[in-house]
Protein backbone atom coordinates (compact mmCIF):
# COMPACT_ATOMS: atom_id res chain seq x y z
CA UNK A 1 10.11 -3.95 20.15
CA UNK A 2 7.85 -7.18 20.26
CA UNK A 3 5.24 -7.99 18.00
CA UNK A 4 2.35 -6.97 20.26
CA UNK A 5 4.46 -3.47 20.92
CA UNK A 6 4.11 -2.46 17.67
CA UNK A 7 0.43 -3.52 16.79
CA UNK A 8 0.10 -1.17 19.98
CA UNK A 9 1.59 1.46 18.21
CA UNK A 10 -1.14 0.65 15.61
CA UNK A 11 -3.44 2.05 17.52
CA UNK A 12 -2.23 5.65 17.25
CA UNK A 13 -2.37 5.40 13.36
CA UNK A 14 -5.32 3.91 13.12
CA UNK A 15 -7.08 7.14 15.14
CA UNK A 16 -7.08 9.33 12.38
CA UNK A 17 -9.55 8.38 9.63
CA UNK A 18 -12.36 6.86 8.36
CA UNK A 19 -14.48 7.63 5.57
CA UNK A 20 -18.31 7.39 5.46
CA UNK A 21 -20.37 5.95 3.42
CA UNK A 22 -19.52 7.48 0.01
CA UNK A 23 -15.75 7.36 1.03
CA UNK A 24 -15.54 11.36 0.14
CA UNK A 25 -16.82 11.81 3.73
CA UNK A 26 -13.75 12.32 6.17
CA UNK A 27 -14.70 12.07 10.55
CA UNK A 28 -12.09 11.97 13.01
CA UNK A 29 -12.24 8.03 14.53
CA UNK A 30 -12.40 8.53 18.34
CA UNK A 31 -12.06 4.78 19.06
CA UNK A 32 -8.40 3.55 19.44
CA UNK A 33 -9.36 -0.24 19.21
CA UNK A 34 -7.31 -2.21 15.87
CA UNK A 35 -9.07 -3.50 13.06
CA UNK A 36 -10.04 -7.14 13.49
CA UNK A 37 -6.73 -9.61 13.39
CA UNK A 38 -7.96 -12.66 11.43
CA UNK A 39 -5.69 -15.11 12.55
CA UNK A 40 -4.61 -17.44 15.17
CA UNK A 41 -6.68 -17.45 18.39
CA UNK A 42 -5.04 -13.82 19.54
CA UNK A 43 -7.24 -11.71 20.32
CA UNK A 44 -9.59 -10.25 18.24
CA UNK A 45 -10.52 -6.79 19.06
CA UNK A 46 -13.47 -4.41 17.50
CA UNK A 47 -13.90 -3.84 13.08
CA UNK A 48 -12.76 -0.67 12.10
CA UNK A 49 -14.58 0.21 8.96
CA UNK A 50 -12.14 1.36 6.37
CA UNK A 51 -10.73 4.37 5.14
CA UNK A 52 -8.24 6.81 6.05
CA UNK A 53 -4.91 5.73 8.28
CA UNK A 54 -4.66 2.07 8.59
CA UNK A 55 -6.60 -1.19 8.70
CA UNK A 56 -4.43 -4.56 9.83
CA UNK A 57 -4.89 -8.14 9.12
CA UNK A 58 -3.08 -9.57 11.25
CA UNK A 59 0.37 -9.57 12.53
CA UNK A 60 2.89 -12.61 12.44
CA UNK A 61 4.08 -13.30 15.73
CA UNK A 62 7.85 -14.11 13.91
CA UNK A 63 10.12 -11.68 15.46
CA UNK A 64 14.08 -11.17 15.54
CA UNK A 65 16.33 -9.98 18.55
CA UNK A 66 17.12 -6.11 18.25
CA UNK A 67 20.43 -5.06 18.31
CA UNK A 68 20.68 -2.78 21.61
CA UNK A 69 22.31 -0.04 19.41
CA UNK A 70 20.47 0.31 17.00
CA UNK A 71 17.43 -0.44 14.86
CA UNK A 72 17.59 -3.60 13.14
CA UNK A 73 18.24 -3.02 8.81
CA UNK A 74 15.54 -3.33 7.06
CA UNK A 75 15.14 -3.53 3.21
CA UNK A 76 12.06 -1.31 1.93
CA UNK A 77 10.41 -2.23 -1.24
CA UNK A 78 8.10 -0.02 -3.02
CA UNK A 79 6.33 0.41 -6.37
CA UNK A 80 5.07 2.91 -8.91
CA UNK A 81 8.13 5.55 -7.39
CA UNK A 82 8.43 7.21 -10.47
CA UNK A 83 5.59 9.65 -9.89
CA UNK A 84 2.34 10.95 -7.70
CA UNK A 85 2.07 9.38 -3.86
CA UNK A 86 4.65 7.10 -4.54
CA UNK A 87 7.64 9.83 -5.66
CA UNK A 88 6.59 11.61 -2.12
CA UNK A 89 7.46 8.46 -0.45
CA UNK A 90 11.36 8.44 -2.17
CA UNK A 91 12.14 11.55 -0.87
CA UNK A 92 10.53 10.57 2.67
CA UNK A 93 13.16 7.08 2.86
CA UNK A 94 16.12 9.71 1.66
CA UNK A 95 15.52 11.18 5.46
CA UNK A 96 18.88 10.48 7.36
CA UNK A 97 15.89 7.67 9.50
CA UNK A 98 15.95 5.73 6.47
CA UNK A 99 20.39 6.11 5.86
CA UNK A 100 20.99 2.35 6.84
CA UNK A 101 18.06 0.51 4.93
CA UNK A 102 18.33 -0.95 1.63
CA UNK A 103 15.89 0.77 -1.27
CA UNK A 104 13.86 -0.74 -3.37
CA UNK A 105 12.18 1.48 -6.07
CA UNK A 106 10.30 0.13 -8.59
CA UNK A 107 8.82 2.29 -11.09
CA UNK A 108 8.20 3.20 -15.07
CA UNK A 109 11.13 5.92 -15.32
CA UNK A 110 14.12 6.22 -13.14
CA UNK A 111 13.38 8.99 -9.28
CA UNK A 112 15.17 11.60 -9.12
CA UNK A 113 18.20 11.83 -7.19
CA UNK A 114 19.37 7.74 -6.46
CA UNK A 115 21.44 7.25 -3.23
CA UNK A 116 23.99 4.64 -2.47
CA UNK A 117 21.12 2.83 -1.06
CA UNK A 118 18.89 2.35 -3.51
CA UNK A 119 18.65 0.23 -6.58
CA UNK A 120 15.69 1.73 -9.09
CA UNK A 121 13.90 -1.05 -11.45
CA UNK A 122 12.51 0.03 -14.59
CA UNK A 123 9.70 -2.46 -14.60
CA UNK A 124 6.06 -1.82 -16.18
CA UNK A 125 4.24 -3.42 -13.91
CA UNK A 126 1.03 -4.31 -16.71
CA UNK A 127 2.71 -6.58 -17.87
CA UNK A 128 2.38 -9.70 -18.62
CA UNK A 129 4.24 -11.90 -16.13
CA UNK A 130 6.51 -9.71 -13.95
CA UNK A 131 9.77 -10.97 -12.93
CA UNK A 132 10.02 -10.49 -9.22
CA UNK A 133 12.97 -13.05 -8.86
CA UNK A 134 14.50 -9.67 -10.49
CA UNK A 135 14.26 -8.46 -6.77
CA UNK A 136 17.56 -9.08 -4.87
CA UNK A 137 17.58 -8.45 -0.52
CA UNK A 138 20.43 -7.97 0.54
CA UNK A 139 21.68 -10.40 2.96
CA UNK A 140 22.17 -8.42 6.30
CA UNK A 141 18.52 -7.42 6.67
CA UNK A 142 15.99 -8.33 9.50
CA UNK A 143 12.99 -7.19 8.78
CA UNK A 144 11.22 -6.80 4.57
CA UNK A 145 7.96 -3.63 3.86
CA UNK A 146 6.74 -4.32 0.39
CA UNK A 147 4.47 -0.65 -0.02
CA UNK A 148 2.41 -1.65 -2.65
CA UNK A 149 2.24 1.93 -4.17
CA UNK A 150 1.68 1.39 -8.18
CA UNK A 151 -1.60 1.11 -9.01
CA UNK A 152 -4.27 2.25 -11.95
CA UNK A 153 -7.60 3.53 -12.29
CA UNK A 154 -7.96 3.04 -16.01
CA UNK A 155 -9.86 1.67 -17.86
CA UNK A 156 -12.74 3.81 -16.80
CA UNK A 157 -15.52 2.79 -18.39
CA UNK A 158 -19.06 1.85 -18.45
CA UNK A 159 -18.91 -1.96 -17.48
CA UNK A 160 -20.85 -2.94 -21.37
CA UNK A 161 -17.65 -0.83 -22.77
CA UNK A 162 -14.69 -1.67 -21.03
CA UNK A 163 -11.83 -2.85 -23.49
CA UNK A 164 -10.78 -5.92 -22.24
CA UNK A 165 -7.14 -5.79 -23.03
CA UNK A 166 -7.11 -2.32 -21.67
CA UNK A 167 -8.62 -4.42 -18.57
CA UNK A 168 -6.13 -7.36 -18.88
CA UNK A 169 -3.38 -4.49 -18.05
CA UNK A 170 -4.81 -2.72 -15.23
CA UNK A 171 -5.70 -6.07 -13.40
CA UNK A 172 -1.63 -6.83 -13.73
CA UNK A 173 -0.37 -3.16 -12.93
CA UNK A 174 -3.53 -4.15 -9.20
CA UNK A 175 -3.15 -7.41 -8.88
CA UNK A 176 -1.24 -9.14 -11.25
CA UNK A 177 2.26 -7.69 -10.36
CA UNK A 178 2.19 -7.06 -6.55
CA UNK A 179 1.00 -10.83 -5.79
CA UNK A 180 4.11 -11.59 -7.16
CA UNK A 181 6.22 -9.44 -5.51
CA UNK A 182 4.46 -10.31 -2.35
CA UNK A 183 5.51 -14.10 -3.29
CA UNK A 184 8.88 -13.41 -3.87
CA UNK A 185 9.30 -11.18 -0.64
CA UNK A 186 6.91 -14.23 1.45
CA UNK A 187 9.31 -16.65 0.48
CA UNK A 188 12.93 -14.82 1.37
CA UNK A 189 11.49 -14.26 5.00
CA UNK A 190 10.65 -17.67 5.09
CA UNK A 191 13.88 -19.02 4.03
CA UNK A 192 15.74 -16.60 6.24
CA UNK A 193 12.98 -16.29 9.90
CA UNK A 194 12.86 -12.71 9.15
CA UNK A 195 8.93 -10.31 9.42
CA UNK A 196 7.63 -9.12 6.80
CA UNK A 197 4.83 -6.31 6.41
CA UNK A 198 3.04 -5.76 3.03
CA UNK A 199 1.39 -1.91 3.56
CA UNK A 200 -1.01 -2.19 0.32
CA UNK A 201 -2.30 0.89 -0.75
CA UNK A 202 -6.12 0.73 -0.25
CA UNK A 203 -8.57 2.47 -1.69
CA UNK A 204 -12.66 2.28 -0.75
CA UNK A 205 -13.51 1.40 -3.66
CA UNK A 206 -11.93 -2.81 -2.69
CA UNK A 207 -15.31 -2.79 -1.22
CA UNK A 208 -17.97 -1.07 -2.96
CA UNK A 209 -18.58 -0.76 -6.71
CA UNK A 210 -17.96 1.94 -8.55
CA UNK A 211 -20.06 3.22 -11.48
CA UNK A 212 -17.27 3.09 -14.82
CA UNK A 213 -14.40 1.87 -12.38
CA UNK A 214 -14.73 -2.03 -12.99
CA UNK A 215 -10.84 -2.75 -13.33
CA UNK A 216 -10.11 -0.74 -10.75
CA UNK A 217 -13.13 -1.91 -8.00
CA UNK A 218 -12.39 -5.34 -9.41
CA UNK A 219 -8.57 -5.29 -9.53
CA UNK A 220 -8.30 -3.44 -5.43
CA UNK A 221 -10.70 -6.16 -4.29
CA UNK A 222 -8.81 -8.14 -5.23
CA UNK A 223 -5.54 -7.52 -4.19
CA UNK A 224 -6.55 -6.94 -0.80
CA UNK A 225 -8.61 -10.21 -0.41
CA UNK A 226 -4.73 -12.44 -1.62
CA UNK A 227 -2.82 -10.19 0.28
CA UNK A 228 -5.28 -11.27 3.74
CA UNK A 229 -5.02 -15.37 2.16
CA UNK A 230 -1.12 -14.21 1.94
CA UNK A 231 -1.37 -13.29 5.89
CA UNK A 232 -3.30 -15.94 7.25
CA UNK A 233 -0.81 -18.94 5.58
CA UNK A 234 1.99 -17.27 6.59
CA UNK A 235 3.82 -16.95 10.29
CA UNK A 236 5.89 -14.60 9.38
CA UNK A 237 4.04 -11.92 7.30
CA UNK A 238 2.01 -8.70 8.25
CA UNK A 239 -0.40 -6.44 6.31
CA UNK A 240 -2.00 -3.55 7.01
CA UNK A 241 -4.69 -1.81 4.35
CA UNK A 242 -3.68 1.58 3.85
CA UNK A 243 -7.11 3.52 2.21
CA UNK A 244 -5.63 7.18 2.30
CA UNK A 245 -8.37 9.55 0.82
CA UNK A 246 -8.30 11.18 -1.96
CA UNK A 247 -4.76 13.04 -3.03
CA UNK A 248 -3.71 15.17 -5.19
CA UNK A 249 -2.09 12.71 -7.79
CA UNK A 250 -2.20 12.62 -11.79
CA UNK A 251 -4.07 9.80 -10.98
CA UNK A 252 -7.72 11.70 -9.94
CA UNK A 253 -6.38 14.46 -12.36
CA UNK A 254 -7.09 11.92 -14.49
CA UNK A 255 -10.00 10.72 -12.71
CA UNK A 256 -11.16 14.33 -13.58
CA UNK A 257 -11.38 13.97 -17.12
CA UNK A 258 -13.45 11.77 -17.46
CA UNK A 259 -16.56 11.77 -19.37
CA UNK A 260 -20.37 11.55 -16.80
CA UNK A 261 -20.94 8.87 -19.24
CA UNK A 262 -18.51 6.88 -18.06
CA UNK A 263 -17.61 7.36 -14.94
CA UNK A 264 -21.35 9.27 -13.46
CA UNK A 265 -19.74 10.17 -9.76
CA UNK A 266 -17.52 12.25 -11.25
CA UNK A 267 -18.93 15.51 -11.12
CA UNK A 268 -17.91 15.03 -6.64
CA UNK A 269 -14.13 14.85 -7.52
CA UNK A 270 -14.29 17.80 -9.31
CA UNK A 271 -15.67 19.40 -6.82
CA UNK A 272 -13.38 17.64 -4.39
CA UNK A 273 -10.48 20.21 -6.47
CA UNK A 274 -12.37 23.44 -6.53
CA UNK A 275 -13.31 22.99 -3.01
CA UNK A 276 -9.01 22.64 -1.93
CA UNK A 277 -10.18 19.27 -0.19
CA UNK A 278 -7.14 16.86 -2.25
CA UNK A 279 -4.47 16.45 1.10
CA UNK A 280 -0.46 16.28 -0.57
CA UNK A 281 0.82 13.62 -2.07
CA UNK A 282 3.55 15.07 0.86
CA UNK A 283 1.63 14.91 3.99
CA UNK A 284 0.68 10.78 3.21
CA UNK A 285 3.44 9.93 2.66
CA UNK A 286 4.93 11.15 5.57
CA UNK A 287 1.78 8.97 7.42
CA UNK A 288 3.67 5.89 5.24
CA UNK A 289 7.11 6.30 6.17
CA UNK A 290 6.05 6.62 10.37
CA UNK A 291 4.60 3.52 9.64
CA UNK A 292 7.93 1.74 7.52
CA UNK A 293 9.29 3.77 10.57
CA UNK A 294 7.83 1.67 13.32
CA UNK A 295 8.29 -1.37 11.75
CA UNK A 296 11.85 -2.12 13.75
CA UNK A 297 10.64 -4.15 15.46
């Protein structure tokens, strides 16, 4: 599959959903157009508002010849593999479709049922100076995929009351650690002349302020911008920002426990849970695995 055909395939993915205004109302997208691509002389299609499925920063032009008999082997690096959406993604990656791929799972606690093709790295992303050099990519892979899924919404507090130490930890989880991983994988991709796809699980909070979410809004906006710069500078790197909407995960449960004085919009999140408006982690994991599966160009 060529880089062009991969971009065409993403038109279908980008047509699924967008979120409007307050990042909660979901409507169907009618236009199949891709989001804008931010590098080089390539065609610049109309920009799709973020929210819902996929916002494509750019597609690298580097390609590797595809074997006639089978798709090239991939190395898939996933953070936040221990719980929530990441745990559901782990399950999808254990299907037959990904049987030949290397899977590197990063989390705070080991996942259930690791297979022979899996490597689990027990890491705390909130700590300073994440050692990404410990992520060892198999020598025979022809594609790299980094699913930046790990994230924390804490601390939830008004700007005036936020704890600087907790803010620093949140910046490590949502920004500094994934940045270190992306840097490492970009160096590997450059050295081996193979493409890297960074699949960034993002949020509407990366684009608009939410009262009480100083840490989350700031860190999610920072990693989004940093990855766009990476894609701009590295020919072999493609970045996709994937906004899944509101999912039934421990993070959402934590949000609903917030005090109104810390998070004025908390009642809206509680209402979504009462009205069964939350997506399941398994459903969203299926969409993510579809993007990973199609990155075999």
